[in-house]
């Protein structure tokens, strides 16, 4: 883990949008990783995290279901566009 954290810290310092996949109880039990996750949650930049349903988080929460999983990508992208001030038709997002 110690080799990954410096690279993660450097990436976080340069990112416009912060993305962390698969945050669950096991990740939160690793003090160094929990510190990074907490930092992302406190950051003012837009962030996108996939979290285990047992974790309580603030902010907009999208629950993935079989009914919405195909359109959810577009809903999330539109939220990120709004947060970044990016036009709806932008090729960037």
PDB file of N, CA and C in Angstrom:
ATOM      1  N   UNK A   1       0.819  -1.193   0.000  1.00  0.00           N
ATOM      2  CA  UNK A   1       0.000   0.000   0.000  1.00  0.00           C
ATOM      3  C   UNK A   1       0.860   1.252   0.000  1.00  0.00           C
ATOM      4  N   UNK A   2       2.007   1.206   0.650  1.00  0.00           N
ATOM      5  CA  UNK A   2       2.819   2.419   0.769  1.00  0.00           C
ATOM      6  C   UNK A   2       3.321   2.918  -0.582  1.00  0.00           C
ATOM      7  N   UNK A   3       3.528   2.032  -1.557  1.00  0.00           N
ATOM      8  CA  UNK A   3       3.969   2.467  -2.874  1.00  0.00           C
ATOM      9  C   UNK A   3       2.869   3.129  -3.679  1.00  0.00           C
ATOM     10  N   UNK A   4       1.641   2.782  -3.394  1.00  0.00           N
ATOM     11  CA  UNK A   4       0.496   3.318  -4.127  1.00  0.00           C
ATOM     12  C   UNK A   4       0.111   4.702  -3.618  1.00  0.00           C
ATOM     13  N   UNK A   5       0.189   4.924  -2.326  1.00  0.00           N
ATOM     14  CA  UNK A   5      -0.292   6.177  -1.751  1.00  0.00           C
ATOM     15  C   UNK A   5       0.395   7.422  -2.297  1.00  0.00           C
ATOM     16  N   UNK A   6       1.728   7.453  -2.461  1.00  0.00           N
ATOM     17  CA  UNK A   6       2.331   8.662  -3.049  1.00  0.00           C
ATOM     18  C   UNK A   6       1.813   8.949  -4.458  1.00  0.00           C
ATOM     19  N   UNK A   7       1.637   7.923  -5.263  1.00  0.00           N
ATOM     20  CA  UNK A   7       1.096   8.113  -6.616  1.00  0.00           C
ATOM     21  C   UNK A   7      -0.341   8.614  -6.552  1.00  0.00           C
ATOM     22  N   UNK A   8      -1.109   8.078  -5.630  1.00  0.00           N
ATOM     23  CA  UNK A   8      -2.488   8.519  -5.458  1.00  0.00           C
ATOM     24  C   UNK A   8      -2.536   9.971  -5.002  1.00  0.00           C
ATOM     25  N   UNK A   9      -1.698  10.336  -4.057  1.00  0.00           N
ATOM     26  CA  UNK A   9      -1.640  11.720  -3.576  1.00  0.00           C
ATOM     27  C   UNK A   9      -1.280  12.675  -4.713  1.00  0.00           C
ATOM     28  N   UNK A  10      -0.309  12.288  -5.542  1.00  0.00           N
ATOM     29  CA  UNK A  10       0.092  13.139  -6.671  1.00  0.00           C
ATOM     30  C   UNK A  10      -1.051  13.284  -7.667  1.00  0.00           C
ATOM     31  N   UNK A  11      -1.729  12.186  -7.964  1.00  0.00           N
ATOM     32  CA  UNK A  11      -2.860  12.242  -8.893  1.00  0.00           C
ATOM     33  C   UNK A  11      -3.966  13.137  -8.354  1.00  0.00           C
ATOM     34  N   UNK A  12      -4.233  13.049  -7.058  1.00  0.00           N
ATOM     35  CA  UNK A  12      -5.277  13.879  -6.455  1.00  0.00           C
ATOM     36  C   UNK A  12      -4.951  15.357  -6.550  1.00  0.00           C
ATOM     37  N   UNK A  13      -3.679  15.687  -6.473  1.00  0.00           N
ATOM     38  CA  UNK A  13      -3.304  17.100  -6.515  1.00  0.00           C
ATOM     39  C   UNK A  13      -3.520  17.711  -7.901  1.00  0.00           C
ATOM     40  N   UNK A  14      -3.563  16.874  -8.950  1.00  0.00           N
ATOM     41  CA  UNK A  14      -3.686  17.379 -10.321  1.00  0.00           C
ATOM     42  C   UNK A  14      -5.079  17.213 -10.917  1.00  0.00           C
ATOM     43  N   UNK A  15      -5.933  16.459 -10.287  1.00  0.00           N
ATOM     44  CA  UNK A  15      -7.221  16.087 -10.880  1.00  0.00           C
ATOM     45  C   UNK A  15      -8.248  17.212 -10.828  1.00  0.00           C
ATOM     46  N   UNK A  16      -9.083  17.284 -11.867  1.00  0.00           N
ATOM     47  CA  UNK A  16     -10.225  18.207 -11.872  1.00  0.00           C
ATOM     48  C   UNK A  16     -11.452  17.545 -11.254  1.00  0.00           C
ATOM     49  N   UNK A  17     -11.562  16.240 -11.446  1.00  0.00           N
ATOM     50  CA  UNK A  17     -12.643  15.439 -10.873  1.00  0.00           C
ATOM     51  C   UNK A  17     -11.989  14.295 -10.120  1.00  0.00           C
ATOM     52  N   UNK A  18     -12.440  14.051  -8.899  1.00  0.00           N
ATOM     53  CA  UNK A  18     -11.869  12.993  -8.074  1.00  0.00           C
ATOM     54  C   UNK A  18     -12.768  11.764  -8.158  1.00  0.00           C
ATOM     55  N   UNK A  19     -12.184  10.626  -8.531  1.00  0.00           N
ATOM     56  CA  UNK A  19     -12.956   9.398  -8.713  1.00  0.00           C
ATOM     57  C   UNK A  19     -12.305   8.276  -7.916  1.00  0.00           C
ATOM     58  N   UNK A  20     -13.107   7.615  -7.099  1.00  0.00           N
ATOM     59  CA  UNK A  20     -12.629   6.443  -6.358  1.00  0.00           C
ATOM     60  C   UNK A  20     -13.674   5.348  -6.530  1.00  0.00           C
ATOM     61  N   UNK A  21     -13.225   4.182  -6.950  1.00  0.00           N
ATOM     62  CA  UNK A  21     -14.114   3.051  -7.173  1.00  0.00           C
ATOM     63  C   UNK A  21     -14.016   2.077  -6.000  1.00  0.00           C
ATOM     64  N   UNK A  22     -15.154   1.544  -5.612  1.00  0.00           N
ATOM     65  CA  UNK A  22     -15.232   0.467  -4.631  1.00  0.00           C
ATOM     66  C   UNK A  22     -14.745   0.853  -3.242  1.00  0.00           C
ATOM     67  N   UNK A  23     -15.425   1.778  -2.612  1.00  0.00           N
ATOM     68  CA  UNK A  23     -15.140   2.127  -1.223  1.00  0.00           C
ATOM     69  C   UNK A  23     -16.096   1.322  -0.354  1.00  0.00           C
ATOM     70  N   UNK A  24     -15.528   0.488   0.487  1.00  0.00           N
ATOM     71  CA  UNK A  24     -16.340  -0.332   1.378  1.00  0.00           C
ATOM     72  C   UNK A  24     -15.722  -0.408   2.755  1.00  0.00           C
ATOM     73  N   UNK A  25     -16.303  -1.206   3.621  1.00  0.00           N
ATOM     74  CA  UNK A  25     -15.789  -1.325   4.984  1.00  0.00           C
ATOM     75  C   UNK A  25     -14.320  -1.744   5.044  1.00  0.00           C
ATOM     76  N   UNK A  26     -13.885  -2.619   4.140  1.00  0.00           N
ATOM     77  CA  UNK A  26     -12.492  -3.064   4.158  1.00  0.00           C
ATOM     78  C   UNK A  26     -11.545  -1.909   3.831  1.00  0.00           C
ATOM     79  N   UNK A  27     -11.881  -1.088   2.840  1.00  0.00           N
ATOM     80  CA  UNK A  27     -11.038   0.057   2.483  1.00  0.00           C
ATOM     81  C   UNK A  27     -11.005   1.074   3.624  1.00  0.00           C
ATOM     82  N   UNK A  28     -12.133   1.264   4.279  1.00  0.00           N
ATOM     83  CA  UNK A  28     -12.196   2.226   5.376  1.00  0.00           C
ATOM     84  C   UNK A  28     -11.446   1.737   6.612  1.00  0.00           C
ATOM     85  N   UNK A  29     -11.128   0.446   6.664  1.00  0.00           N
ATOM     86  CA  UNK A  29     -10.376  -0.110   7.793  1.00  0.00           C
ATOM     87  C   UNK A  29      -8.871   0.101   7.651  1.00  0.00           C
ATOM     88  N   UNK A  30      -8.407   0.541   6.483  1.00  0.00           N
ATOM     89  CA  UNK A  30      -6.980   0.805   6.254  1.00  0.00           C
ATOM     90  C   UNK A  30      -6.751   2.286   6.525  1.00  0.00           C
ATOM     91  N   UNK A  31      -6.064   2.631   7.620  1.00  0.00           N
ATOM     92  CA  UNK A  31      -5.949   4.038   8.022  1.00  0.00           C
ATOM     93  C   UNK A  31      -5.428   4.972   6.930  1.00  0.00           C
ATOM     94  N   UNK A  32      -4.413   4.555   6.193  1.00  0.00           N
ATOM     95  CA  UNK A  32      -3.848   5.420   5.161  1.00  0.00           C
ATOM     96  C   UNK A  32      -4.845   5.662   4.034  1.00  0.00           C
ATOM     97  N   UNK A  33      -5.551   4.620   3.644  1.00  0.00           N
ATOM     98  CA  UNK A  33      -6.540   4.746   2.573  1.00  0.00           C
ATOM     99  C   UNK A  33      -7.754   5.541   3.053  1.00  0.00           C
ATOM    100  N   UNK A  34      -8.173   5.320   4.278  1.00  0.00           N
ATOM    101  CA  UNK A  34      -9.286   6.086   4.846  1.00  0.00           C
ATOM    102  C   UNK A  34      -8.957   7.574   4.866  1.00  0.00           C
ATOM    103  N   UNK A  35      -7.701   7.917   5.178  1.00  0.00           N
ATOM    104  CA  UNK A  35      -7.295   9.327   5.190  1.00  0.00           C
ATOM    105  C   UNK A  35      -7.430   9.945   3.802  1.00  0.00           C
ATOM    106  N   UNK A  36      -7.054   9.201   2.769  1.00  0.00           N
ATOM    107  CA  UNK A  36      -7.177   9.698   1.396  1.00  0.00           C
ATOM    108  C   UNK A  36      -8.653   9.855   1.027  1.00  0.00           C
ATOM    109  N   UNK A  37      -9.467   8.875   1.369  1.00  0.00           N
ATOM    110  CA  UNK A  37     -10.901   8.942   1.064  1.00  0.00           C
ATOM    111  C   UNK A  37     -11.537  10.122   1.788  1.00  0.00           C
ATOM    112  N   UNK A  38     -11.189  10.305   3.053  1.00  0.00           N
ATOM    113  CA  UNK A  38     -11.712  11.452   3.813  1.00  0.00           C
ATOM    114  C   UNK A  38     -11.302  12.769   3.164  1.00  0.00           C
ATOM    115  N   UNK A  39     -10.066  12.827   2.679  1.00  0.00           N
ATOM    116  CA  UNK A  39      -9.590  14.042   2.004  1.00  0.00           C
ATOM    117  C   UNK A  39     -10.420  14.326   0.754  1.00  0.00           C
ATOM    118  N   UNK A  40     -10.700  13.297  -0.018  1.00  0.00           N
ATOM    119  CA  UNK A  40     -11.517  13.462  -1.224  1.00  0.00           C
ATOM    120  C   UNK A  40     -12.913  13.962  -0.852  1.00  0.00           C
ATOM    121  N   UNK A  41     -13.487  13.410   0.194  1.00  0.00           N
ATOM    122  CA  UNK A  41     -14.836  13.810   0.599  1.00  0.00           C
ATOM    123  C   UNK A  41     -14.892  15.248   1.097  1.00  0.00           C
ATOM    124  N   UNK A  42     -13.797  15.758   1.635  1.00  0.00           N
ATOM    125  CA  UNK A  42     -13.753  17.150   2.105  1.00  0.00           C
ATOM    126  C   UNK A  42     -13.396  18.130   0.994  1.00  0.00           C
ATOM    127  N   UNK A  43     -12.865  17.638  -0.097  1.00  0.00           N
ATOM    128  CA  UNK A  43     -12.384  18.488  -1.184  1.00  0.00           C
ATOM    129  C   UNK A  43     -13.547  19.198  -1.868  1.00  0.00           C
ATOM    130  N   UNK A  44     -13.288  20.387  -2.375  1.00  0.00           N
ATOM    131  CA  UNK A  44     -14.314  21.179  -3.066  1.00  0.00           C
ATOM    132  C   UNK A  44     -14.536  20.738  -4.512  1.00  0.00           C
ATOM    133  N   UNK A  45     -13.583  20.018  -5.077  1.00  0.00           N
ATOM    134  CA  UNK A  45     -13.728  19.588  -6.468  1.00  0.00           C
ATOM    135  C   UNK A  45     -14.815  18.520  -6.585  1.00  0.00           C
ATOM    136  N   UNK A  46     -15.431  18.412  -7.767  1.00  0.00           N
ATOM    137  CA  UNK A  46     -16.427  17.356  -7.965  1.00  0.00           C
ATOM    138  C   UNK A  46     -15.788  15.989  -7.749  1.00  0.00           C
ATOM    139  N   UNK A  47     -16.527  15.095  -7.125  1.00  0.00           N
ATOM    140  CA  UNK A  47     -16.009  13.748  -6.898  1.00  0.00           C
ATOM    141  C   UNK A  47     -17.088  12.722  -7.218  1.00  0.00           C
ATOM    142  N   UNK A  48     -16.626  11.554  -7.599  1.00  0.00           N
ATOM    143  CA  UNK A  48     -17.503  10.435  -7.921  1.00  0.00           C
ATOM    144  C   UNK A  48     -16.924   9.210  -7.234  1.00  0.00           C
ATOM    145  N   UNK A  49     -17.677   8.624  -6.330  1.00  0.00           N
ATOM    146  CA  UNK A  49     -17.233   7.446  -5.604  1.00  0.00           C
ATOM    147  C   UNK A  49     -18.288   6.362  -5.712  1.00  0.00           C
ATOM    148  N   UNK A  50     -17.854   5.125  -5.881  1.00  0.00           N
ATOM    149  CA  UNK A  50     -18.784   4.014  -5.724  1.00  0.00           C
ATOM    150  C   UNK A  50     -18.561   3.493  -4.318  1.00  0.00           C
ATOM    151  N   UNK A  51     -19.638   3.435  -3.558  1.00  0.00           N
ATOM    152  CA  UNK A  51     -19.526   3.051  -2.153  1.00  0.00           C
ATOM    153  C   UNK A  51     -20.468   1.897  -1.841  1.00  0.00           C
ATOM    154  N   UNK A  52     -20.059   1.093  -0.890  1.00  0.00           N
ATOM    155  CA  UNK A  52     -20.901   0.002  -0.414  1.00  0.00           C
ATOM    156  C   UNK A  52     -22.141   0.596   0.232  1.00  0.00           C
ATOM    157  N   UNK A  53     -23.262  -0.043   0.036  1.00  0.00           N
ATOM    158  CA  UNK A  53     -24.521   0.510   0.538  1.00  0.00           C
ATOM    159  C   UNK A  53     -24.567   0.637   2.057  1.00  0.00           C
ATOM    160  N   UNK A  54     -23.673  -0.047   2.769  1.00  0.00           N
ATOM    161  CA  UNK A  54     -23.662   0.059   4.230  1.00  0.00           C
ATOM    162  C   UNK A  54     -23.011   1.351   4.717  1.00  0.00           C
ATOM    163  N   UNK A  55     -22.295   2.050   3.826  1.00  0.00           N
ATOM    164  CA  UNK A  55     -21.626   3.288   4.220  1.00  0.00           C
ATOM    165  C   UNK A  55     -22.565   4.471   4.049  1.00  0.00           C
ATOM    166  N   UNK A  56     -22.495   5.388   4.978  1.00  0.00           N
ATOM    167  CA  UNK A  56     -23.300   6.610   4.919  1.00  0.00           C
ATOM    168  C   UNK A  56     -22.442   7.722   4.327  1.00  0.00           C
ATOM    169  N   UNK A  57     -22.932   8.349   3.268  1.00  0.00           N
ATOM    170  CA  UNK A  57     -22.199   9.443   2.634  1.00  0.00           C
ATOM    171  C   UNK A  57     -23.138  10.617   2.402  1.00  0.00           C
ATOM    172  N   UNK A  58     -22.553  11.799   2.341  1.00  0.00           N
ATOM    173  CA  UNK A  58     -23.321  12.995   2.018  1.00  0.00           C
ATOM    174  C   UNK A  58     -23.182  13.264   0.529  1.00  0.00           C
ATOM    175  N   UNK A  59     -24.119  14.024  -0.005  1.00  0.00           N
ATOM    176  CA  UNK A  59     -24.058  14.365  -1.422  1.00  0.00           C
ATOM    177  C   UNK A  59     -25.102  13.599  -2.203  1.00  0.00           C
ATOM    178  N   UNK A  60     -25.024  13.737  -3.488  1.00  0.00           N
ATOM    179  CA  UNK A  60     -25.969  13.067  -4.387  1.00  0.00           C
ATOM    180  C   UNK A  60     -25.614  11.592  -4.449  1.00  0.00           C
ATOM    181  N   UNK A  61     -26.593  10.738  -4.223  1.00  0.00           N
ATOM    182  CA  UNK A  61     -26.381   9.290  -4.239  1.00  0.00           C
ATOM    183  C   UNK A  61     -27.215   8.699  -5.371  1.00  0.00           C
ATOM    184  N   UNK A  62     -26.565   7.917  -6.206  1.00  0.00           N
ATOM    185  CA  UNK A  62     -27.240   7.193  -7.282  1.00  0.00           C
ATOM    186  C   UNK A  62     -27.223   5.715  -6.904  1.00  0.00           C
ATOM    187  N   UNK A  63     -28.381   5.127  -6.765  1.00  0.00           N
ATOM    188  CA  UNK A  63     -28.448   3.697  -6.499  1.00  0.00           C
ATOM    189  C   UNK A  63     -28.622   2.980  -7.831  1.00  0.00           C
ATOM    190  N   UNK A  64     -27.758   2.005  -8.083  1.00  0.00           N
ATOM    191  CA  UNK A  64     -27.816   1.257  -9.335  1.00  0.00           C
ATOM    192  C   UNK A  64     -28.821   0.117  -9.178  1.00  0.00           C
ATOM    193  N   UNK A  65     -29.771   0.073 -10.105  1.00  0.00           N
ATOM    194  CA  UNK A  65     -30.752  -1.009 -10.147  1.00  0.00           C
ATOM    195  C   UNK A  65     -30.782  -1.571 -11.565  1.00  0.00           C
ATOM    196  N   UNK A  66     -31.448  -2.689 -11.732  1.00  0.00           N
ATOM    197  CA  UNK A  66     -31.569  -3.240 -13.091  1.00  0.00           C
ATOM    198  C   UNK A  66     -32.389  -2.320 -13.980  1.00  0.00           C
ATOM    199  N   UNK A  67     -33.307  -1.561 -13.384  1.00  0.00           N
ATOM    200  CA  UNK A  67     -34.146  -0.654 -14.169  1.00  0.00           C
ATOM    201  C   UNK A  67     -33.395   0.592 -14.638  1.00  0.00           C
ATOM    202  N   UNK A  68     -32.444   1.093 -13.850  1.00  0.00           N
ATOM    203  CA  UNK A  68     -31.805   2.370 -14.206  1.00  0.00           C
ATOM    204  C   UNK A  68     -30.361   2.251 -14.675  1.00  0.00           C
ATOM    205  N   UNK A  69     -29.793   1.084 -14.641  1.00  0.00           N
ATOM    206  CA  UNK A  69     -28.351   0.973 -14.904  1.00  0.00           C
ATOM    207  C   UNK A  69     -27.942   1.441 -16.302  1.00  0.00           C
ATOM    208  N   UNK A  70     -28.834   1.349 -17.284  1.00  0.00           N
ATOM    209  CA  UNK A  70     -28.477   1.774 -18.640  1.00  0.00           C
ATOM    210  C   UNK A  70     -28.495   3.285 -18.820  1.00  0.00           C
ATOM    211  N   UNK A  71     -29.323   3.989 -18.079  1.00  0.00           N
ATOM    212  CA  UNK A  71     -29.388   5.445 -18.214  1.00  0.00           C
ATOM    213  C   UNK A  71     -28.574   6.174 -17.144  1.00  0.00           C
ATOM    214  N   UNK A  72     -28.119   5.451 -16.145  1.00  0.00           N
ATOM    215  CA  UNK A  72     -27.426   6.072 -15.022  1.00  0.00           C
ATOM    216  C   UNK A  72     -26.151   6.791 -15.445  1.00  0.00           C
ATOM    217  N   UNK A  73     -25.422   6.244 -16.395  1.00  0.00           N
ATOM    218  CA  UNK A  73     -24.200   6.888 -16.889  1.00  0.00           C
ATOM    219  C   UNK A  73     -24.489   8.318 -17.305  1.00  0.00           C
ATOM    220  N   UNK A  74     -25.575   8.520 -18.053  1.00  0.00           N
ATOM    221  CA  UNK A  74     -25.891   9.858 -18.562  1.00  0.00           C
ATOM    222  C   UNK A  74     -26.316  10.800 -17.441  1.00  0.00           C
ATOM    223  N   UNK A  75     -27.024  10.279 -16.456  1.00  0.00           N
ATOM    224  CA  UNK A  75     -27.403  11.106 -15.309  1.00  0.00           C
ATOM    225  C   UNK A  75     -26.162  11.562 -14.543  1.00  0.00           C
ATOM    226  N   UNK A  76     -25.234  10.648 -14.346  1.00  0.00           N
ATOM    227  CA  UNK A  76     -24.001  10.984 -13.624  1.00  0.00           C
ATOM    228  C   UNK A  76     -23.167  11.969 -14.430  1.00  0.00           C
ATOM    229  N   UNK A  77     -23.030  11.740 -15.725  1.00  0.00           N
ATOM    230  CA  UNK A  77     -22.271  12.673 -16.563  1.00  0.00           C
ATOM    231  C   UNK A  77     -22.890  14.065 -16.547  1.00  0.00           C
ATOM    232  N   UNK A  78     -24.205  14.148 -16.581  1.00  0.00           N
ATOM    233  CA  UNK A  78     -24.859  15.459 -16.531  1.00  0.00           C
ATOM    234  C   UNK A  78     -24.597  16.157 -15.202  1.00  0.00           C
ATOM    235  N   UNK A  79     -24.589  15.420 -14.108  1.00  0.00           N
ATOM    236  CA  UNK A  79     -24.267  16.014 -12.800  1.00  0.00           C
ATOM    237  C   UNK A  79     -22.828  16.526 -12.781  1.00  0.00           C
ATOM    238  N   UNK A  80     -21.909  15.745 -13.333  1.00  0.00           N
ATOM    239  CA  UNK A  80     -20.510  16.183 -13.386  1.00  0.00           C
ATOM    240  C   UNK A  80     -20.357  17.409 -14.278  1.00  0.00           C
ATOM    241  N   UNK A  81     -21.069  17.427 -15.398  1.00  0.00           N
ATOM    242  CA  UNK A  81     -21.024  18.602 -16.283  1.00  0.00           C
ATOM    243  C   UNK A  81     -21.485  19.850 -15.547  1.00  0.00           C
ATOM    244  N   UNK A  82     -22.578  19.730 -14.800  1.00  0.00           N
ATOM    245  CA  UNK A  82     -23.073  20.876 -14.035  1.00  0.00           C
ATOM    246  C   UNK A  82     -22.040  21.326 -13.010  1.00  0.00           C
ATOM    247  N   UNK A  83     -21.442  20.381 -12.330  1.00  0.00           N
ATOM    248  CA  UNK A  83     -20.457  20.715 -11.299  1.00  0.00           C
ATOM    249  C   UNK A  83     -19.226  21.387 -11.891  1.00  0.00           C
ATOM    250  N   UNK A  84     -18.878  21.001 -13.109  1.00  0.00           N
ATOM    251  CA  UNK A  84     -17.701  21.568 -13.769  1.00  0.00           C
ATOM    252  C   UNK A  84     -18.036  22.783 -14.620  1.00  0.00           C
ATOM    253  N   UNK A  85     -19.327  23.051 -14.809  1.00  0.00           N
ATOM    254  CA  UNK A  85     -19.723  24.157 -15.669  1.00  0.00           C
ATOM    255  C   UNK A  85     -19.491  23.851 -17.130  1.00  0.00           C
ATOM    256  N   UNK A  86     -19.565  22.579 -17.503  1.00  0.00           N
ATOM    257  CA  UNK A  86     -19.317  22.134 -18.873  1.00  0.00           C
ATOM    258  C   UNK A  86     -20.634  22.057 -19.633  1.00  0.00           C
ATOM    259  N   UNK A  87     -20.637  22.518 -20.855  1.00  0.00           N
ATOM    260  CA  UNK A  87     -21.844  22.485 -21.686  1.00  0.00           C
ATOM    261  C   UNK A  87     -22.295  21.053 -21.921  1.00  0.00           C
ATOM    262  N   UNK A  88     -23.577  20.872 -22.035  1.00  0.00           N
ATOM    263  CA  UNK A  88     -24.174  19.543 -22.207  1.00  0.00           C
ATOM    264  C   UNK A  88     -23.620  18.810 -23.425  1.00  0.00           C
ATOM    265  N   UNK A  89     -23.308  19.504 -24.476  1.00  0.00           N
ATOM    266  CA  UNK A  89     -22.843  18.857 -25.694  1.00  0.00           C
ATOM    267  C   UNK A  89     -21.335  18.684 -25.770  1.00  0.00           C
ATOM    268  N   UNK A  90     -20.638  18.951 -24.716  1.00  0.00           N
ATOM    269  CA  UNK A  90     -19.181  18.894 -24.742  1.00  0.00           C
ATOM    270  C   UNK A  90     -18.679  17.485 -25.022  1.00  0.00           C
ATOM    271  N   UNK A  91     -17.602  17.402 -25.785  1.00  0.00           N
ATOM    272  CA  UNK A  91     -16.986  16.111 -26.063  1.00  0.00           C
ATOM    273  C   UNK A  91     -16.104  15.656 -24.911  1.00  0.00           C
ATOM    274  N   UNK A  92     -15.796  16.550 -23.982  1.00  0.00           N
ATOM    275  CA  UNK A  92     -14.917  16.200 -22.871  1.00  0.00           C
ATOM    276  C   UNK A  92     -15.613  15.247 -21.920  1.00  0.00           C
ATOM    277  N   UNK A  93     -16.854  15.537 -21.585  1.00  0.00           N
ATOM    278  CA  UNK A  93     -17.612  14.661 -20.678  1.00  0.00           C
ATOM    279  C   UNK A  93     -18.874  14.200 -21.367  1.00  0.00           C
TER     280      UNK A  93
END
